[in-house]
Amino acid sequence: MRRLALLALLAVSAVCLGQGAAAQDGKAPQAASSTATDIMKMSPQQQQQFRCEQTREQIQQQLSNKVKSPSDEANLKSLRESERISCAPPLVSPPASAAAMPAKYPAQAMRQHHQGVVIVQVELAADGSVTGDSVYQSSGFLDLDRSAMEAVRGWHFDTRLGLSLRVPVRFNLAN
């Protein structure tokens, strides 16, 4: 079922993108079925990258056409959300260095029984050190989010996983 849904999505995307290209350069659009066949030969990571690139191309087309109506704005918003989902860096477990340098549970958060998971997006240097971070998904509590960000800055990651990753930081009073 998932494969069928993927094929349908890719066929629609290929037709939409192909028609846009035909209007711009006068060439005939590529057949959707050959694109879907090519995509099925790709690894799951390559398929994700392809979907990400398609979404970004659609956003660029939308921006170049200048957003004119509320439906254009809604479409652009939908494309941006799709980009956020399909272009997300991989979610990985906290590295071994996290055990030596765990996130500090803020005292105020403990008193107020705040718990949750913060997903932090990290950008890495070649040696695995963190060069940039941001909250990808909040716990809903600013103090937990800040503590998670402070913690990951001291962690070192395996760069074979990529130079941009998402990592969960859990805050649980039971532990």
N, C-alpha and C. Protein backbone atom coordinates (compact mmCIF):
# COMPACT_ATOMS: atom_id res chain seq x y z
N MET A 1 0.82 -1.18 0.00
CA MET A 1 0.00 0.00 0.00
C MET A 1 0.88 1.26 0.00
N ARG A 2 1.94 1.23 0.83
CA ARG A 2 2.85 2.38 0.90
C ARG A 2 3.50 2.63 -0.46
N ARG A 3 3.91 1.55 -1.12
CA ARG A 3 4.56 1.67 -2.43
C ARG A 3 3.60 2.28 -3.44
N LEU A 4 2.33 1.86 -3.39
CA LEU A 4 1.34 2.39 -4.31
C LEU A 4 1.12 3.89 -4.07
N ALA A 5 1.05 4.27 -2.79
CA ALA A 5 0.87 5.69 -2.46
C ALA A 5 2.08 6.50 -2.93
N LEU A 6 3.27 5.95 -2.76
CA LEU A 6 4.49 6.63 -3.20
C LEU A 6 4.48 6.80 -4.72
N LEU A 7 4.09 5.76 -5.43
CA LEU A 7 4.04 5.85 -6.89
C LEU A 7 3.05 6.91 -7.34
N ALA A 8 1.89 6.94 -6.69
CA ALA A 8 0.88 7.93 -7.07
C ALA A 8 1.38 9.34 -6.81
N LEU A 9 2.00 9.55 -5.64
CA LEU A 9 2.54 10.87 -5.30
C LEU A 9 3.61 11.29 -6.30
N LEU A 10 4.49 10.37 -6.62
CA LEU A 10 5.57 10.70 -7.54
C LEU A 10 5.06 10.95 -8.96
N ALA A 11 4.06 10.19 -9.37
CA ALA A 11 3.49 10.39 -10.70
C ALA A 11 2.85 11.77 -10.81
N VAL A 12 2.08 12.14 -9.78
CA VAL A 12 1.45 13.45 -9.78
C VAL A 12 2.50 14.55 -9.76
N SER A 13 3.51 14.39 -8.92
CA SER A 13 4.59 15.38 -8.84
C SER A 13 5.31 15.51 -10.17
N ALA A 14 5.60 14.38 -10.81
CA ALA A 14 6.32 14.41 -12.08
C ALA A 14 5.50 15.11 -13.15
N VAL A 15 4.20 14.84 -13.16
CA VAL A 15 3.34 15.49 -14.15
C VAL A 15 3.29 16.99 -13.90
N CYS A 16 3.12 17.37 -12.63
CA CYS A 16 3.07 18.80 -12.30
C CYS A 16 4.38 19.49 -12.65
N LEU A 17 5.49 18.90 -12.26
CA LEU A 17 6.78 19.50 -12.55
C LEU A 17 7.07 19.48 -14.05
N GLY A 18 6.70 18.40 -14.70
CA GLY A 18 6.94 18.28 -16.14
C GLY A 18 6.19 19.34 -16.92
N GLN A 19 4.93 19.60 -16.55
CA GLN A 19 4.14 20.60 -17.25
C GLN A 19 4.72 21.99 -17.02
N GLY A 20 5.21 22.23 -15.79
CA GLY A 20 5.84 23.53 -15.51
C GLY A 20 7.08 23.71 -16.35
N ALA A 21 7.88 22.64 -16.51
CA ALA A 21 9.10 22.73 -17.30
C ALA A 21 8.76 22.94 -18.77
N ALA A 22 7.70 22.26 -19.24
CA ALA A 22 7.33 22.39 -20.65
C ALA A 22 6.90 23.82 -20.95
N ALA A 23 6.19 24.43 -20.01
CA ALA A 23 5.74 25.80 -20.24
C ALA A 23 6.92 26.77 -20.26
N GLN A 24 7.99 26.42 -19.51
CA GLN A 24 9.12 27.34 -19.43
C GLN A 24 10.07 27.20 -20.61
N ASP A 25 10.39 25.96 -21.01
CA ASP A 25 11.41 25.80 -22.05
C ASP A 25 10.88 25.23 -23.37
N GLY A 26 9.56 24.99 -23.47
CA GLY A 26 8.98 24.54 -24.71
C GLY A 26 9.19 23.07 -25.00
N LYS A 27 9.81 22.31 -24.12
CA LYS A 27 10.04 20.89 -24.34
C LYS A 27 8.86 20.09 -23.81
N ALA A 28 8.68 18.90 -24.33
CA ALA A 28 7.60 18.03 -23.88
C ALA A 28 7.91 17.53 -22.47
N PRO A 29 6.89 17.41 -21.61
CA PRO A 29 7.13 16.91 -20.26
C PRO A 29 7.51 15.44 -20.27
N GLN A 30 8.32 15.04 -19.31
CA GLN A 30 8.75 13.65 -19.19
C GLN A 30 7.56 12.81 -18.72
N ALA A 31 7.45 11.60 -19.20
CA ALA A 31 6.36 10.72 -18.82
C ALA A 31 6.46 10.37 -17.34
N ALA A 32 5.34 10.46 -16.63
CA ALA A 32 5.33 10.20 -15.19
C ALA A 32 5.67 8.75 -14.89
N SER A 33 5.25 7.83 -15.75
CA SER A 33 5.49 6.42 -15.46
C SER A 33 6.97 6.07 -15.49
N SER A 34 7.74 6.67 -16.40
CA SER A 34 9.17 6.37 -16.43
C SER A 34 9.85 6.96 -15.21
N THR A 35 9.40 8.11 -14.73
CA THR A 35 9.97 8.70 -13.53
C THR A 35 9.68 7.82 -12.33
N ALA A 36 8.44 7.34 -12.21
CA ALA A 36 8.08 6.48 -11.09
C ALA A 36 8.88 5.19 -11.12
N THR A 37 9.10 4.64 -12.32
CA THR A 37 9.90 3.41 -12.44
C THR A 37 11.33 3.66 -12.00
N ASP A 38 11.89 4.77 -12.43
CA ASP A 38 13.26 5.11 -12.03
C ASP A 38 13.36 5.28 -10.51
N ILE A 39 12.35 5.89 -9.93
CA ILE A 39 12.37 6.15 -8.50
C ILE A 39 12.29 4.85 -7.71
N MET A 40 11.53 3.89 -8.20
CA MET A 40 11.41 2.62 -7.49
C MET A 40 12.74 1.87 -7.46
N LYS A 41 13.64 2.18 -8.35
CA LYS A 41 14.96 1.55 -8.38
C LYS A 41 15.91 2.19 -7.37
N MET A 42 15.53 3.33 -6.83
CA MET A 42 16.38 4.05 -5.88
C MET A 42 16.27 3.44 -4.49
N SER A 43 17.31 3.67 -3.69
CA SER A 43 17.27 3.26 -2.29
C SER A 43 16.30 4.19 -1.56
N PRO A 44 15.82 3.80 -0.38
CA PRO A 44 14.93 4.69 0.37
C PRO A 44 15.54 6.06 0.64
N GLN A 45 16.84 6.11 0.90
CA GLN A 45 17.50 7.40 1.14
C GLN A 45 17.51 8.24 -0.14
N GLN A 46 17.74 7.61 -1.29
CA GLN A 46 17.73 8.34 -2.55
C GLN A 46 16.32 8.83 -2.86
N GLN A 47 15.30 8.02 -2.55
CA GLN A 47 13.92 8.44 -2.76
C GLN A 47 13.59 9.66 -1.91
N GLN A 48 14.04 9.64 -0.66
CA GLN A 48 13.79 10.78 0.23
C GLN A 48 14.47 12.03 -0.32
N GLN A 49 15.71 11.89 -0.79
CA GLN A 49 16.43 13.02 -1.35
C GLN A 49 15.72 13.55 -2.59
N PHE A 50 15.21 12.65 -3.43
CA PHE A 50 14.49 13.03 -4.64
C PHE A 50 13.23 13.82 -4.27
N ARG A 51 12.46 13.32 -3.29
CA ARG A 51 11.24 14.02 -2.86
C ARG A 51 11.59 15.40 -2.31
N CYS A 52 12.67 15.47 -1.57
CA CYS A 52 13.12 16.74 -1.00
C CYS A 52 13.45 17.73 -2.12
N GLU A 53 14.21 17.28 -3.11
CA GLU A 53 14.58 18.15 -4.23
C GLU A 53 13.36 18.59 -5.01
N GLN A 54 12.40 17.67 -5.23
CA GLN A 54 11.17 18.04 -5.95
C GLN A 54 10.41 19.12 -5.19
N THR A 55 10.29 18.95 -3.90
CA THR A 55 9.56 19.93 -3.08
C THR A 55 10.25 21.29 -3.15
N ARG A 56 11.57 21.29 -3.07
CA ARG A 56 12.30 22.57 -3.14
C ARG A 56 12.14 23.23 -4.50
N GLU A 57 12.11 22.42 -5.57
CA GLU A 57 11.88 22.98 -6.91
C GLU A 57 10.49 23.60 -6.99
N GLN A 58 9.50 22.93 -6.41
CA GLN A 58 8.14 23.47 -6.43
C GLN A 58 8.06 24.78 -5.65
N ILE A 59 8.77 24.85 -4.54
CA ILE A 59 8.80 26.09 -3.75
C ILE A 59 9.43 27.21 -4.58
N GLN A 60 10.54 26.90 -5.25
CA GLN A 60 11.20 27.92 -6.08
C GLN A 60 10.27 28.39 -7.20
N GLN A 61 9.54 27.45 -7.83
CA GLN A 61 8.59 27.83 -8.88
C GLN A 61 7.52 28.76 -8.32
N GLN A 62 7.00 28.40 -7.15
CA GLN A 62 5.96 29.20 -6.51
C GLN A 62 6.48 30.60 -6.19
N LEU A 63 7.71 30.68 -5.68
CA LEU A 63 8.28 31.98 -5.33
C LEU A 63 8.57 32.82 -6.58
N SER A 64 9.02 32.16 -7.65
CA SER A 64 9.31 32.90 -8.88
C SER A 64 8.03 33.41 -9.54
N ASN A 65 6.91 32.72 -9.31
CA ASN A 65 5.63 33.17 -9.86
C ASN A 65 5.01 34.28 -9.02
N LYS A 66 5.66 34.64 -7.92
CA LYS A 66 5.17 35.65 -6.99
C LYS A 66 3.81 35.23 -6.44
N VAL A 67 3.75 35.08 -5.14
CA VAL A 67 2.52 34.69 -4.47
C VAL A 67 1.49 35.80 -4.68
N LYS A 68 0.34 35.44 -5.28
CA LYS A 68 -0.64 36.44 -5.66
C LYS A 68 -1.96 36.33 -4.91
N SER A 69 -2.38 35.11 -4.60
CA SER A 69 -3.70 34.94 -4.00
C SER A 69 -3.61 34.12 -2.72
N PRO A 70 -4.69 34.11 -1.95
CA PRO A 70 -4.68 33.29 -0.73
C PRO A 70 -4.42 31.80 -1.02
N SER A 71 -4.90 31.30 -2.16
CA SER A 71 -4.65 29.89 -2.48
C SER A 71 -3.17 29.67 -2.79
N ASP A 72 -2.51 30.66 -3.41
CA ASP A 72 -1.06 30.56 -3.64
C ASP A 72 -0.31 30.53 -2.31
N GLU A 73 -0.76 31.37 -1.37
CA GLU A 73 -0.12 31.40 -0.05
C GLU A 73 -0.32 30.07 0.67
N ALA A 74 -1.52 29.51 0.57
CA ALA A 74 -1.81 28.23 1.21
C ALA A 74 -0.97 27.12 0.59
N ASN A 75 -0.82 27.16 -0.74
CA ASN A 75 0.00 26.16 -1.43
C ASN A 75 1.46 26.28 -1.01
N LEU A 76 1.96 27.49 -0.92
CA LEU A 76 3.34 27.70 -0.50
C LEU A 76 3.55 27.22 0.94
N LYS A 77 2.59 27.49 1.80
CA LYS A 77 2.68 27.03 3.19
C LYS A 77 2.70 25.51 3.24
N SER A 78 1.87 24.87 2.44
CA SER A 78 1.83 23.41 2.37
C SER A 78 3.16 22.84 1.85
N LEU A 79 3.71 23.48 0.83
CA LEU A 79 5.01 23.04 0.29
C LEU A 79 6.11 23.19 1.33
N ARG A 80 6.08 24.28 2.08
CA ARG A 80 7.10 24.50 3.12
C ARG A 80 7.00 23.41 4.20
N GLU A 81 5.77 23.04 4.58
CA GLU A 81 5.59 21.98 5.58
C GLU A 81 6.07 20.65 5.02
N SER A 82 5.78 20.40 3.75
CA SER A 82 6.24 19.17 3.10
C SER A 82 7.76 19.14 3.05
N GLU A 83 8.38 20.29 2.79
CA GLU A 83 9.84 20.38 2.78
C GLU A 83 10.40 20.06 4.16
N ARG A 84 9.76 20.60 5.20
CA ARG A 84 10.22 20.36 6.56
C ARG A 84 10.18 18.86 6.89
N ILE A 85 9.15 18.18 6.40
CA ILE A 85 8.99 16.75 6.69
C ILE A 85 9.91 15.91 5.82
N SER A 86 9.89 16.13 4.50
CA SER A 86 10.65 15.25 3.61
C SER A 86 12.15 15.56 3.59
N CYS A 87 12.53 16.73 4.01
CA CYS A 87 13.95 17.10 3.98
C CYS A 87 14.58 17.07 5.37
N ALA A 88 13.90 16.46 6.31
CA ALA A 88 14.42 16.42 7.68
C ALA A 88 15.67 15.55 7.75
N PRO A 89 16.67 16.02 8.50
CA PRO A 89 17.86 15.19 8.70
C PRO A 89 17.47 13.93 9.46
N PRO A 90 18.30 12.90 9.40
CA PRO A 90 17.96 11.66 10.09
C PRO A 90 17.89 11.85 11.60
N LEU A 91 16.98 11.08 12.22
CA LEU A 91 16.83 11.07 13.67
C LEU A 91 17.72 9.97 14.21
N VAL A 92 18.65 10.33 15.09
CA VAL A 92 19.61 9.36 15.62
C VAL A 92 19.51 9.32 17.15
N SER A 93 20.01 8.25 17.74
CA SER A 93 20.08 8.14 19.20
C SER A 93 21.17 9.06 19.71
N PRO A 94 21.04 9.49 20.96
CA PRO A 94 22.13 10.30 21.53
C PRO A 94 23.45 9.53 21.47
N PRO A 95 24.55 10.22 21.20
CA PRO A 95 25.84 9.53 21.09
C PRO A 95 26.35 9.08 22.46
N ALA A 96 27.41 8.28 22.44
CA ALA A 96 28.00 7.78 23.69
C ALA A 96 28.44 8.92 24.60
N SER A 97 28.87 10.03 24.02
CA SER A 97 29.32 11.17 24.84
C SER A 97 28.18 11.77 25.66
N ALA A 98 26.93 11.47 25.30
CA ALA A 98 25.79 12.00 26.04
C ALA A 98 25.73 11.42 27.45
N ALA A 99 26.20 10.19 27.63
CA ALA A 99 26.19 9.57 28.96
C ALA A 99 27.12 10.31 29.91
N ALA A 100 28.24 10.78 29.39
CA ALA A 100 29.22 11.50 30.22
C ALA A 100 28.78 12.95 30.48
N MET A 101 27.98 13.49 29.56
CA MET A 101 27.54 14.88 29.67
C MET A 101 26.03 14.97 29.43
N PRO A 102 25.22 14.41 30.34
CA PRO A 102 23.77 14.42 30.11
C PRO A 102 23.19 15.84 30.26
N ALA A 103 22.00 16.01 29.70
CA ALA A 103 21.32 17.30 29.86
C ALA A 103 20.94 17.48 31.32
N LYS A 104 21.12 18.69 31.82
CA LYS A 104 20.78 19.00 33.21
C LYS A 104 19.28 19.26 33.29
N TYR A 105 18.64 18.63 34.26
CA TYR A 105 17.20 18.84 34.45
C TYR A 105 17.05 20.14 35.23
N PRO A 106 16.48 21.18 34.65
CA PRO A 106 16.35 22.45 35.36
C PRO A 106 15.52 22.28 36.65
N ALA A 107 16.01 22.88 37.74
CA ALA A 107 15.36 22.74 39.04
C ALA A 107 13.90 23.20 39.00
N GLN A 108 13.67 24.32 38.36
CA GLN A 108 12.30 24.85 38.26
C GLN A 108 11.40 23.87 37.52
N ALA A 109 11.92 23.25 36.48
CA ALA A 109 11.14 22.27 35.71
C ALA A 109 10.82 21.05 36.56
N MET A 110 11.77 20.63 37.40
CA MET A 110 11.52 19.50 38.30
C MET A 110 10.42 19.84 39.31
N ARG A 111 10.51 21.04 39.89
CA ARG A 111 9.50 21.46 40.88
C ARG A 111 8.10 21.51 40.25
N GLN A 112 8.05 21.90 38.98
CA GLN A 112 6.76 22.02 38.30
C GLN A 112 6.37 20.73 37.57
N HIS A 113 7.15 19.69 37.75
CA HIS A 113 6.90 18.37 37.15
C HIS A 113 6.82 18.42 35.62
N HIS A 114 7.65 19.24 35.02
CA HIS A 114 7.72 19.31 33.56
C HIS A 114 8.52 18.12 33.03
N GLN A 115 7.99 17.45 32.04
CA GLN A 115 8.66 16.33 31.39
C GLN A 115 8.45 16.48 29.88
N GLY A 116 9.28 15.81 29.13
CA GLY A 116 9.09 15.83 27.69
C GLY A 116 10.34 15.45 26.93
N VAL A 117 10.20 15.47 25.61
CA VAL A 117 11.32 15.16 24.71
C VAL A 117 11.53 16.36 23.81
N VAL A 118 12.79 16.79 23.73
CA VAL A 118 13.17 17.87 22.83
C VAL A 118 13.94 17.22 21.68
N ILE A 119 13.56 17.52 20.45
CA ILE A 119 14.33 17.03 19.30
C ILE A 119 15.18 18.21 18.84
N VAL A 120 16.48 18.04 18.95
CA VAL A 120 17.43 19.10 18.60
C VAL A 120 18.06 18.75 17.26
N GLN A 121 18.07 19.71 16.35
CA GLN A 121 18.77 19.53 15.08
C GLN A 121 20.17 20.09 15.26
N VAL A 122 21.16 19.27 14.92
CA VAL A 122 22.55 19.69 15.08
C VAL A 122 23.25 19.70 13.72
N GLU A 123 24.14 20.66 13.56
CA GLU A 123 25.02 20.74 12.40
C GLU A 123 26.41 20.39 12.93
N LEU A 124 27.13 19.54 12.19
CA LEU A 124 28.39 19.01 12.69
C LEU A 124 29.59 19.45 11.86
N ALA A 125 30.72 19.56 12.55
CA ALA A 125 32.01 19.74 11.88
C ALA A 125 32.50 18.35 11.47
N ALA A 126 33.55 18.32 10.68
CA ALA A 126 34.08 17.04 10.19
C ALA A 126 34.51 16.12 11.32
N ASP A 127 34.91 16.68 12.46
CA ASP A 127 35.35 15.85 13.59
C ASP A 127 34.20 15.38 14.48
N GLY A 128 32.96 15.75 14.15
CA GLY A 128 31.79 15.31 14.92
C GLY A 128 31.35 16.28 16.00
N SER A 129 32.08 17.38 16.16
CA SER A 129 31.67 18.38 17.15
C SER A 129 30.50 19.20 16.59
N VAL A 130 29.70 19.73 17.48
CA VAL A 130 28.51 20.49 17.09
C VAL A 130 28.91 21.92 16.76
N THR A 131 28.55 22.37 15.57
CA THR A 131 28.84 23.75 15.15
C THR A 131 27.59 24.62 15.15
N GLY A 132 26.42 23.98 15.18
CA GLY A 132 25.17 24.72 15.19
C GLY A 132 24.06 23.84 15.72
N ASP A 133 23.07 24.44 16.36
CA ASP A 133 21.95 23.66 16.87
C ASP A 133 20.69 24.52 16.87
N SER A 134 19.56 23.84 16.83
CA SER A 134 18.27 24.51 16.92
C SER A 134 17.24 23.49 17.39
N VAL A 135 16.17 23.99 17.98
CA VAL A 135 15.10 23.11 18.42
C VAL A 135 14.27 22.74 17.19
N TYR A 136 14.26 21.46 16.86
CA TYR A 136 13.47 20.97 15.73
C TYR A 136 12.03 20.74 16.18
N GLN A 137 11.90 20.16 17.40
CA GLN A 137 10.57 19.94 17.98
C GLN A 137 10.68 20.22 19.48
N SER A 138 9.89 21.13 19.96
CA SER A 138 9.94 21.56 21.35
C SER A 138 9.27 20.54 22.27
N SER A 139 9.71 20.55 23.52
CA SER A 139 9.06 19.75 24.56
C SER A 139 7.79 20.44 25.04
N GLY A 140 7.68 21.71 24.71
CA GLY A 140 6.58 22.51 25.21
C GLY A 140 6.98 23.35 26.41
N PHE A 141 8.22 23.15 26.87
CA PHE A 141 8.73 23.87 28.02
C PHE A 141 10.06 24.51 27.65
N LEU A 142 10.12 25.82 27.68
CA LEU A 142 11.30 26.56 27.25
C LEU A 142 12.55 26.17 28.04
N ASP A 143 12.41 25.94 29.36
CA ASP A 143 13.59 25.60 30.16
C ASP A 143 14.16 24.24 29.77
N LEU A 144 13.31 23.27 29.43
CA LEU A 144 13.80 21.97 28.97
C LEU A 144 14.47 22.11 27.60
N ASP A 145 13.87 22.91 26.73
CA ASP A 145 14.46 23.13 25.40
C ASP A 145 15.85 23.74 25.51
N ARG A 146 16.00 24.72 26.36
CA ARG A 146 17.31 25.38 26.54
C ARG A 146 18.35 24.42 27.10
N SER A 147 17.95 23.61 28.08
CA SER A 147 18.87 22.65 28.68
C SER A 147 19.32 21.61 27.66
N ALA A 148 18.40 21.17 26.81
CA ALA A 148 18.74 20.20 25.77
C ALA A 148 19.76 20.79 24.80
N MET A 149 19.54 22.03 24.41
CA MET A 149 20.47 22.69 23.48
C MET A 149 21.86 22.84 24.10
N GLU A 150 21.91 23.22 25.37
CA GLU A 150 23.20 23.35 26.05
C GLU A 150 23.92 22.02 26.09
N ALA A 151 23.19 20.95 26.35
CA ALA A 151 23.81 19.62 26.47
C ALA A 151 24.41 19.15 25.15
N VAL A 152 23.64 19.26 24.06
CA VAL A 152 24.14 18.71 22.78
C VAL A 152 25.37 19.45 22.27
N ARG A 153 25.55 20.67 22.70
CA ARG A 153 26.72 21.43 22.25
C ARG A 153 28.03 20.78 22.69
N GLY A 154 28.00 19.99 23.75
CA GLY A 154 29.19 19.32 24.24
C GLY A 154 29.34 17.88 23.75
N TRP A 155 28.37 17.40 23.02
CA TRP A 155 28.41 16.02 22.54
C TRP A 155 29.19 15.91 21.24
N HIS A 156 29.69 14.71 20.96
CA HIS A 156 30.37 14.43 19.69
C HIS A 156 29.63 13.30 18.98
N PHE A 157 29.40 13.47 17.69
CA PHE A 157 28.60 12.54 16.91
C PHE A 157 29.46 11.83 15.86
N ASP A 158 28.94 10.72 15.39
CA ASP A 158 29.56 9.97 14.30
C ASP A 158 29.15 10.66 13.00
N THR A 159 30.10 11.24 12.30
CA THR A 159 29.78 11.98 11.07
C THR A 159 29.42 11.07 9.89
N ARG A 160 29.62 9.76 10.04
CA ARG A 160 29.19 8.85 8.97
C ARG A 160 27.67 8.87 8.82
N LEU A 161 26.97 9.35 9.84
CA LEU A 161 25.52 9.43 9.80
C LEU A 161 25.06 10.69 9.06
N GLY A 162 25.96 11.62 8.84
CA GLY A 162 25.62 12.86 8.16
C GLY A 162 26.15 14.05 8.94
N LEU A 163 26.15 15.21 8.30
CA LEU A 163 26.63 16.42 8.96
C LEU A 163 25.48 17.26 9.52
N SER A 164 24.27 16.79 9.31
CA SER A 164 23.09 17.42 9.88
C SER A 164 22.22 16.30 10.42
N LEU A 165 21.94 16.34 11.71
CA LEU A 165 21.20 15.25 12.36
C LEU A 165 20.15 15.83 13.30
N ARG A 166 19.19 14.99 13.66
CA ARG A 166 18.24 15.32 14.72
C ARG A 166 18.47 14.31 15.84
N VAL A 167 18.46 14.79 17.07
CA VAL A 167 18.71 13.92 18.21
C VAL A 167 17.69 14.23 19.31
N PRO A 168 17.07 13.18 19.88
CA PRO A 168 16.11 13.42 20.96
C PRO A 168 16.84 13.56 22.30
N VAL A 169 16.36 14.48 23.11
CA VAL A 169 16.86 14.64 24.47
C VAL A 169 15.64 14.49 25.38
N ARG A 170 15.67 13.44 26.21
CA ARG A 170 14.51 13.11 27.05
C ARG A 170 14.67 13.68 28.47
N PHE A 171 13.56 14.23 28.95
CA PHE A 171 13.49 14.69 30.33
C PHE A 171 12.34 13.94 30.98
N ASN A 172 12.68 13.04 31.92
CA ASN A 172 11.69 12.20 32.56
C ASN A 172 11.98 12.16 34.05
N LEU A 173 11.02 12.53 34.86
CA LEU A 173 11.22 12.57 36.32
C LEU A 173 11.35 11.19 36.93
N ALA A 174 10.90 10.16 36.26
CA ALA A 174 10.98 8.80 36.78
C ALA A 174 12.41 8.29 36.80
N ASN A 175 13.29 8.85 35.99
CA ASN A 175 14.68 8.36 35.92
C ASN A 175 15.57 9.08 36.89
